Protein backbone atom coordinates (compact mmCIF):
# COMPACT_ATOMS: atom_id res chain seq x y z
CA MET A 1 0.18 0.04 -0.12
CA THR A 2 1.30 3.20 -0.98
CA THR A 3 0.81 6.13 1.54
CA ARG A 4 2.77 9.58 2.53
CA ARG A 5 4.91 6.84 4.84
CA THR A 6 6.61 5.53 1.97
CA PHE A 7 7.28 8.99 0.20
CA ILE A 8 9.12 9.67 2.25
CA LYS A 9 -6.14 33.85 25.59
CA GLN A 10 -7.29 30.36 25.46
CA SER A 11 -10.59 30.85 27.77
CA ALA A 12 -11.61 33.74 25.58
CA LEU A 13 -11.01 32.01 22.70
CA PHE A 14 -12.87 28.92 23.72
CA SER A 15 -16.01 30.65 24.90
CA ALA A 16 -16.00 32.42 21.47
CA ALA A 17 -15.44 29.13 19.55
CA ALA A 18 -19.02 27.76 20.87
CA PHE A 19 -21.05 30.59 19.05
CA VAL A 20 -19.17 30.01 15.84
CA THR A 21 -21.27 28.53 13.34
CA PRO A 22 -20.49 26.75 9.94
CA SER A 23 -21.15 30.00 8.05
CA SER A 24 -17.94 31.80 9.49
CA LEU A 25 -15.78 29.66 7.30
CA LEU A 26 -16.53 32.37 4.53
CA LYS A 27 -15.18 34.74 6.54
CA VAL A 28 -11.78 32.60 6.73
CA ASN A 29 -10.88 31.34 3.61
CA LYS A 30 -13.77 29.84 0.70
CA ARG A 31 -11.23 28.69 -1.47
CA ILE A 32 -10.86 24.95 -1.32
CA GLY A 33 -7.29 23.70 -1.93
CA LEU A 34 -5.80 20.37 -2.78
CA GLN A 35 -2.53 19.18 -1.63
CA LEU A 36 -0.74 17.33 -4.98
CA TYR A 37 0.24 14.41 -3.41
CA THR A 38 -2.79 12.68 -3.68
CA LEU A 39 -2.24 13.05 -7.76
CA ARG A 40 1.17 12.16 -7.08
CA GLY A 41 1.18 9.07 -9.73
CA ASP A 42 0.13 11.44 -12.37
CA ILE A 43 1.71 14.78 -12.09
CA ALA A 44 5.55 13.03 -12.37
CA LYS A 45 4.52 12.30 -15.81
CA ASP A 46 2.75 15.28 -17.05
CA PRO A 47 2.37 18.53 -14.41
CA LYS A 48 0.92 20.72 -16.55
CA ALA A 49 -2.31 18.22 -17.47
CA VAL A 50 -2.48 17.63 -14.01
CA ILE A 51 -2.68 21.31 -12.95
CA GLU A 52 -5.21 22.33 -15.67
CA SER A 53 -7.33 19.14 -14.51
CA VAL A 54 -7.34 20.42 -11.02
CA ALA A 55 -8.17 23.80 -11.98
CA ALA A 56 -11.00 22.52 -14.31
CA ILE A 57 -12.50 20.47 -11.12
CA GLY A 58 -12.91 23.89 -9.63
CA TYR A 59 -9.80 24.11 -6.81
CA LYS A 60 -8.34 27.63 -6.46
CA GLU A 61 -5.36 26.42 -4.25
CA VAL A 62 -2.39 23.96 -4.52
CA GLU A 63 -0.27 22.74 -1.79
CA SER A 64 2.77 21.02 -3.54
CA PHE A 65 5.36 18.21 -2.77
CA GLY A 66 8.53 16.90 -3.38
CA TYR A 67 10.69 20.10 -4.05
CA GLN A 68 13.62 19.43 -4.82
CA ALA A 69 17.58 20.52 -6.54
CA GLY A 70 14.92 24.41 -6.86
CA LYS A 71 12.56 22.59 -8.52
CA TYR A 72 9.02 21.76 -8.11
CA PHE A 73 8.40 18.94 -10.83
CA GLY A 74 10.97 19.79 -12.47
CA MET A 75 9.68 23.15 -13.38
CA THR A 76 11.85 26.38 -11.76
CA PRO A 77 9.76 28.27 -8.82
CA LYS A 78 9.01 30.96 -11.57
CA ASP A 79 7.87 28.88 -13.90
CA PHE A 80 5.80 26.86 -11.92
CA ALA A 81 4.23 29.67 -10.60
CA ALA A 82 3.35 30.78 -13.91
CA LEU A 83 1.87 27.56 -14.34
CA LEU A 84 -0.39 27.95 -11.69
CA LYS A 85 -1.36 31.25 -12.64
CA SER A 86 -2.39 30.43 -15.81
CA ASN A 87 -4.62 28.63 -14.30
CA GLY A 88 -6.39 30.49 -12.11
CA LEU A 89 -4.59 28.61 -8.83
CA THR A 90 -2.21 29.71 -5.77
CA HIS A 91 0.05 28.37 -3.95
CA PRO A 92 -0.19 29.05 -0.47
CA SER A 93 1.99 26.01 0.54
CA SER A 94 4.63 23.44 0.15
CA HIS A 95 5.63 20.21 1.81
CA TYR A 96 9.42 19.35 3.01
CA MET A 97 11.25 16.25 4.58
CA LEU A 98 13.27 16.97 8.16
CA ALA A 99 16.21 16.42 6.31
CA GLY A 100 15.89 19.74 3.95
CA LEU A 101 16.27 21.35 6.87
CA SER A 102 19.87 20.65 7.23
CA GLY A 103 20.75 21.37 3.21
CA ASN A 104 20.60 24.53 1.90
CA TRP A 105 17.09 25.84 3.80
CA GLN A 106 17.97 29.36 2.89
CA LYS A 107 17.76 28.72 -1.19
CA ALA A 108 14.46 26.62 -0.49
CA VAL A 109 13.10 29.42 1.49
CA GLU A 110 14.32 31.81 -1.74
CA ASP A 111 12.60 29.71 -3.99
CA ALA A 112 9.39 29.31 -1.94
CA VAL A 113 8.99 33.25 -1.78
CA VAL A 114 9.41 33.06 -6.19
CA ALA A 115 6.79 30.22 -5.78
CA GLY A 116 4.48 32.64 -4.07
CA GLN A 117 4.02 30.36 -0.93
CA LYS A 118 3.12 31.76 2.36
CA TYR A 119 3.79 28.33 4.48
CA MET A 120 6.75 25.85 4.29
CA VAL A 121 5.65 22.79 6.19
CA VAL A 122 7.77 19.71 7.11
CA ALA A 123 5.18 17.14 6.07
CA TYR A 124 6.71 13.15 7.74
CA LEU A 125 9.17 12.52 10.52
CA LEU A 126 11.11 9.15 9.63
CA ASP A 127 10.89 6.30 11.98
CA THR A 128 14.71 6.95 12.42
CA GLU A 129 14.38 10.68 13.28
CA ARG A 130 11.85 10.32 16.29
CA LYS A 131 12.81 7.15 18.07
CA SER A 132 12.06 9.11 21.49
CA ILE A 133 11.12 12.24 23.49
CA ASP A 134 14.44 13.62 23.30
CA ASP A 135 14.49 13.25 19.85
CA TYR A 136 11.18 15.55 19.85
CA LYS A 137 12.98 18.09 21.41
CA LYS A 138 15.46 17.93 19.26
CA ILE A 139 13.44 18.42 16.13
CA ALA A 140 11.33 21.23 17.99
CA ALA A 141 14.58 22.89 18.35
CA ARG A 142 15.42 22.56 14.72
CA PHE A 143 12.10 23.73 13.96
CA ASN A 144 12.26 26.88 15.85
CA VAL A 145 15.82 27.64 13.88
CA ALA A 146 14.29 26.94 10.43
CA ALA A 147 11.16 28.91 11.08
CA GLU A 148 13.44 32.16 11.47
CA ALA A 149 14.71 32.07 8.31
CA CYS A 150 11.15 31.53 7.15
CA GLN A 151 9.97 34.60 9.37
CA LYS A 152 12.47 36.92 7.82
CA ALA A 153 11.66 36.38 3.93
CA GLY A 154 7.66 36.80 5.23
CA ILE A 155 6.72 33.11 5.41
CA GLN A 156 5.36 31.23 8.43
CA PHE A 157 7.07 27.56 8.87
CA GLY A 158 4.50 24.70 9.83
CA TYR A 159 4.52 21.13 10.76
CA HIS A 160 2.27 18.60 9.48
CA ASN A 161 0.79 15.64 11.39
CA HIS A 162 0.08 11.48 11.13
CA ASP A 163 -0.81 9.34 14.18
CA PHE A 164 2.29 8.58 15.52
CA GLU A 165 3.27 12.01 17.17
CA PHE A 166 -0.05 10.59 19.35
CA THR A 167 1.56 7.35 20.40
CA ASP A 168 2.32 7.00 24.40
CA MET A 169 6.08 7.66 24.52
CA GLY A 170 6.61 7.04 28.58
CA GLY A 171 3.90 9.35 29.48
CA ARG A 172 4.11 12.34 26.79
CA HIS A 173 3.44 12.33 23.57
CA GLY A 174 5.18 13.70 20.11
CA PHE A 175 2.64 16.12 19.54
CA ASP A 176 2.29 17.57 22.79
CA VAL A 177 6.43 18.46 23.21
CA LEU A 178 6.17 19.81 19.38
CA LEU A 179 3.51 22.64 20.50
CA LYS A 180 4.95 23.03 23.77
CA GLU A 181 8.46 23.76 22.71
CA THR A 182 8.23 25.35 20.03
CA ASP A 183 8.00 29.38 19.35
CA PRO A 184 3.54 29.63 18.98
CA LYS A 185 4.76 33.09 16.74
CA LEU A 186 7.46 31.00 14.73
CA VAL A 187 6.04 27.52 14.27
CA LYS A 188 2.16 26.26 13.38
CA PHE A 189 0.77 23.31 12.57
CA GLU A 190 -1.31 21.69 9.83
CA LEU A 191 -3.38 19.42 11.08
CA ASP A 192 -4.35 16.41 9.63
CA LEU A 193 -8.03 15.91 10.30
CA TYR A 194 -7.88 12.39 9.73
CA TRP A 195 -4.73 11.43 10.99
CA ALA A 196 -5.55 13.34 14.33
CA SER A 197 -9.27 11.51 14.15
CA PHE A 198 -7.43 8.03 13.54
CA ALA A 199 -5.37 8.45 16.69
CA GLY A 200 -8.18 9.35 19.08
CA LYS A 201 -8.21 12.87 18.95
CA ASP A 202 -10.76 15.57 18.54
CA PRO A 203 -9.80 18.41 16.06
CA VAL A 204 -12.00 20.76 18.04
CA GLU A 205 -11.01 20.21 21.51
CA MET A 206 -7.53 20.81 19.70
CA PHE A 207 -8.46 23.95 18.66
CA GLN A 208 -10.09 24.96 21.86
CA GLN A 209 -6.79 23.71 23.91
CA HIS A 210 -4.22 25.50 21.68
CA PRO A 211 -6.35 28.41 19.56
CA GLY A 212 -4.75 29.99 16.64
CA ARG A 213 -2.03 26.96 16.26
CA PHE A 214 -3.13 25.32 13.30
CA PRO A 215 -3.89 28.10 10.29
CA LEU A 216 -3.68 24.87 7.79
CA TRP A 217 -5.52 21.86 7.38
CA HIS A 218 -5.68 18.19 5.48
CA VAL A 219 -9.34 17.63 4.81
CA LYS A 220 -9.91 13.62 4.00
CA ASP A 221 -12.52 11.77 5.10
CA MET A 222 -12.47 8.25 7.31
CA ASP A 223 -14.66 4.85 6.03
CA ASN A 224 -17.16 3.12 8.30
CA THR A 225 -15.29 0.21 8.21
CA PRO A 226 -12.87 -1.90 11.03
CA LYS A 227 -9.99 -0.59 8.80
CA ARG A 228 -10.86 3.35 9.01
CA PHE A 229 -9.66 3.55 5.86
CA PHE A 230 -9.38 6.66 3.60
CA THR A 231 -11.93 7.99 1.69
CA GLU A 232 -13.59 10.94 -0.28
CA VAL A 233 -14.99 14.22 2.29
CA GLY A 234 -18.47 13.52 2.61
CA ASN A 235 -18.17 9.86 2.52
CA GLY A 236 -17.12 8.85 5.79
CA VAL A 237 -17.76 9.03 9.57
CA ILE A 238 -15.38 12.13 10.33
CA ASP A 239 -17.87 15.43 11.18
CA PHE A 240 -16.70 18.02 9.04
CA LYS A 241 -19.33 20.12 9.74
CA LYS A 242 -18.61 20.39 13.64
CA ILE A 243 -14.70 20.84 12.71
CA PHE A 244 -15.50 23.67 10.23
CA ALA A 245 -18.17 25.53 12.55
CA HIS A 246 -14.60 26.00 14.94
CA ALA A 247 -12.39 27.13 11.75
CA LYS A 248 -12.09 30.57 13.51
CA ALA A 249 -10.77 29.10 16.87
CA SER A 250 -8.29 27.04 15.14
CA GLY A 251 -6.93 30.05 13.20
CA MET A 252 -7.55 28.43 9.80
CA GLN A 253 -6.53 30.16 6.61
CA HIS A 254 -5.83 27.27 4.41
CA TYR A 255 -7.32 23.76 3.92
CA PHE A 256 -6.54 21.53 1.32
CA VAL A 257 -7.93 18.20 0.37
CA GLU A 258 -5.99 15.05 0.69
CA GLN A 259 -6.56 11.65 0.08
CA ASP A 260 -3.39 9.10 0.64
CA VAL A 261 -4.98 5.87 -1.30
CA CYS A 262 -7.95 6.22 -3.69
CA PRO A 263 -9.84 3.24 -4.90
CA GLY A 264 -9.95 4.45 -8.45
CA PRO A 265 -8.43 7.05 -10.45
CA PRO A 266 -7.25 9.86 -8.11
CA ILE A 267 -8.78 12.44 -9.93
CA GLU A 268 -12.12 11.18 -9.76
CA SER A 269 -12.01 11.18 -5.94
CA ILE A 270 -10.44 14.70 -5.90
CA GLU A 271 -13.68 15.80 -7.70
CA LYS A 272 -15.97 13.62 -5.28
CA SER A 273 -14.43 15.56 -2.46
CA TYR A 274 -14.40 18.89 -4.57
CA GLN A 275 -18.22 18.40 -4.57
CA TYR A 276 -19.13 17.93 -1.11
CA ILE A 277 -17.15 21.16 0.01
CA SER A 278 -18.09 23.44 -2.15
CA LYS A 279 -22.00 22.40 -1.33
CA ASN A 280 -21.36 21.38 2.29
CA LEU A 281 -18.56 23.28 4.09
CA ALA A 282 -17.55 26.30 2.04
CA GLY A 283 -20.61 28.65 2.43
CA ARG A 284 -22.32 27.65 -1.30
């Protein structure tokens, strides 16, 4: 099975959150985004055709992945930005790996500016990078340093979770360490609603406990089977209407559809998710 694993104050906001309604999403962002990783097989073959298809469905924003050697899907930052613009798309965020922070991070930041990004997000931690709580503490320190370079360029640094960050490690969770030992102004989080739910966490409770810390979301659904597998948004058991009703408490600015594995052609799955979100969650 191919998943991302292989690719690789409070009280006031708490009270206010109780009165937030789904329509308030319109005040945050009604432009539906897509994490292009969902289309990784196709975009590797023909990036231009994939971008055109994404725009044709109605998506307005994309989150990229796989930045390598100064290029996005084989294109320079300038050329990639031009391709997106010609299709009516913006590029607020991109994913990176932890190892990238040890390389020429400054060059990556400069390229992100040219590509039109507002966020640079570490997408995943390899098994060897997160063996202990001490590893998470070291990672948090690295995040703070990398985030300073981002801040100077007008970019927000972030981290995208899976479920392993919530595994008990001697009474502590890696995610708690990352939250507590990173500067709240420098380091934000992209909450993957599926993986948080898979780990038994309530996204709304997380928003209330850490208001404003989650400006980015990944929106994917969980099927109603013992396996709790990926499915199109609206086709599963996650209560997105409840979650979206608390968008302001989370600080949400952008949200991206993602489906790690699709039952058929991924383009069909992302269209189903788009249709559900546009009709039920984005104020339409």
